[in-house]
Protein backbone atom coordinates (compact mmCIF):
# COMPACT_ATOMS: atom_id res chain seq x y z
CA UNK A 1 0.00 0.00 0.00
CA UNK A 2 1.35 3.45 -0.93
CA UNK A 3 -0.06 6.94 -0.87
CA UNK A 4 -0.35 9.13 -3.94
CA UNK A 5 2.51 11.19 -2.50
CA UNK A 6 4.67 8.09 -1.99
CA UNK A 7 4.06 7.08 -5.59
CA UNK A 8 4.92 10.53 -6.92
CA UNK A 9 8.11 10.63 -4.86
CA UNK A 10 9.18 7.18 -6.08
CA UNK A 11 8.60 8.36 -9.66
CA UNK A 12 10.94 11.31 -9.08
CA UNK A 13 8.22 13.94 -8.64
CA UNK A 14 8.08 14.79 -4.94
CA UNK A 15 5.06 16.90 -3.97
CA UNK A 16 3.16 15.81 -7.09
CA UNK A 17 0.53 13.57 -5.49
CA UNK A 18 -2.23 14.98 -7.70
CA UNK A 19 -0.22 14.18 -10.80
CA UNK A 20 0.13 10.58 -9.59
CA UNK A 21 -3.65 10.40 -9.16
CA UNK A 22 -4.29 11.87 -12.60
CA UNK A 23 -1.89 9.37 -14.15
CA UNK A 24 -3.58 6.43 -12.44
CA UNK A 25 -6.96 7.68 -13.63
CA UNK A 26 -5.72 7.42 -17.24
CA UNK A 27 -4.70 3.75 -16.99
CA UNK A 28 -6.39 1.59 -19.61
CA UNK A 29 -9.28 -0.59 -18.56
CA UNK A 30 -8.06 -4.05 -17.58
CA UNK A 31 -4.58 -2.85 -16.60
CA UNK A 32 -2.45 -5.28 -14.60
CA UNK A 33 -0.99 -2.50 -12.44
CA UNK A 34 -2.18 -2.70 -8.81
CA UNK A 35 -3.86 0.74 -8.86
CA UNK A 36 -6.10 -0.29 -5.98
CA UNK A 37 -3.13 -0.25 -3.59
CA UNK A 38 -2.78 3.53 -3.84
CA UNK A 39 -4.66 5.62 -1.26
CA UNK A 40 -4.51 9.14 0.11
CA UNK A 41 -2.20 10.33 2.90
CA UNK A 42 -4.96 9.91 5.50
CA UNK A 43 -5.34 6.24 4.61
CA UNK A 44 -8.64 6.78 2.85
CA UNK A 45 -9.88 5.85 -0.59
CA UNK A 46 -10.18 9.00 -2.68
CA UNK A 47 -12.20 7.60 -5.54
CA UNK A 48 -15.90 8.40 -5.92
CA UNK A 49 -18.46 5.62 -5.85
CA UNK A 50 -18.83 3.10 -7.46
CA UNK A 51 -15.07 2.94 -8.06
CA UNK A 52 -14.40 3.32 -4.32
CA UNK A 53 -16.44 0.18 -3.66
CA UNK A 54 -14.36 -1.69 -6.25
CA UNK A 55 -11.10 -0.53 -4.64
CA UNK A 56 -12.36 -1.48 -1.17
CA UNK A 57 -13.36 -4.93 -2.47
CA UNK A 58 -9.95 -5.54 -4.05
CA UNK A 59 -8.12 -4.44 -0.90
CA UNK A 60 -10.27 -6.65 1.31
CA UNK A 61 -9.60 -9.63 -0.98
CA UNK A 62 -5.90 -9.09 -0.27
CA UNK A 63 -6.52 -9.07 3.47
CA UNK A 64 -6.35 -5.31 3.99
CA UNK A 65 -8.75 -4.23 6.71
CA UNK A 66 -10.37 -0.82 6.70
CA UNK A 67 -11.45 0.67 10.05
CA UNK A 68 -13.96 3.51 9.78
CA UNK A 69 -13.09 3.77 6.08
CA UNK A 70 -9.36 4.04 6.71
CA UNK A 71 -6.40 1.78 6.08
CA UNK A 72 -3.91 1.58 8.93
CA UNK A 73 -0.87 3.01 7.18
CA UNK A 74 1.47 1.96 9.98
CA UNK A 75 0.57 -1.63 9.27
CA UNK A 76 0.06 -1.76 5.50
CA UNK A 77 2.17 1.04 4.04
CA UNK A 78 5.01 -0.15 1.82
CA UNK A 79 8.31 1.65 2.13
CA UNK A 80 11.08 0.62 -0.29
C-alpha cells in the first residue's frame, strides 16, 4: 500500500501527489498495475463511488482491513 505522494516521490516527482492520481486515472481498462493499492495520505480511498467500492473490495480480498473507512498506514504502508 502506498499513498499518492509516496508514488509521486518514487517516480521522481516529490510533492506531485495529484499528478500521480491523474496518471492512475488514465490507466487503460483491464490494466495489470495494482492501482487499488494507492490511497490518500490519510489512509482513505479517494475515488468516488462506485469505483471506491471496487477498490475497497480488491483491498479486502488481499486481506487489507479498513477501520472507519481508513487503512492503517502503519501496518500496511510499503516503504522501499
